[in-house]
């Protein structure tokens, strides 16, 4: 995410790979066929999971899903937020100052 969570390393950050990780975690706890609740950027892995017949959840609730393209002006900030090494400090110290939560 772009909040206080750390990014997954390498190619695993794509929605399909996130969906596979989610499915593995659900299998590990014996969740079976869950109802997924996803917010913002979390909607992409949830939709990817629902689109795969081998991973299909019983249902899905998308809350304020991130479904629009990112404006080019915001792209540098998003790249900084996910950059190795500086992404975490940037998300924790800089983003709250320039993008305060209301």
Foldseek 3Di string as FASTA:
>chain_A
DLAQDAADDDPCRALLNVLVVVQVVCVVVVVPAAEEEAEACRVSNLVNQCVDPVRRHPHYHYHHYNDDDDDPVCVVVVCQCRPPPRNNVCNVPPCCVVPPDD
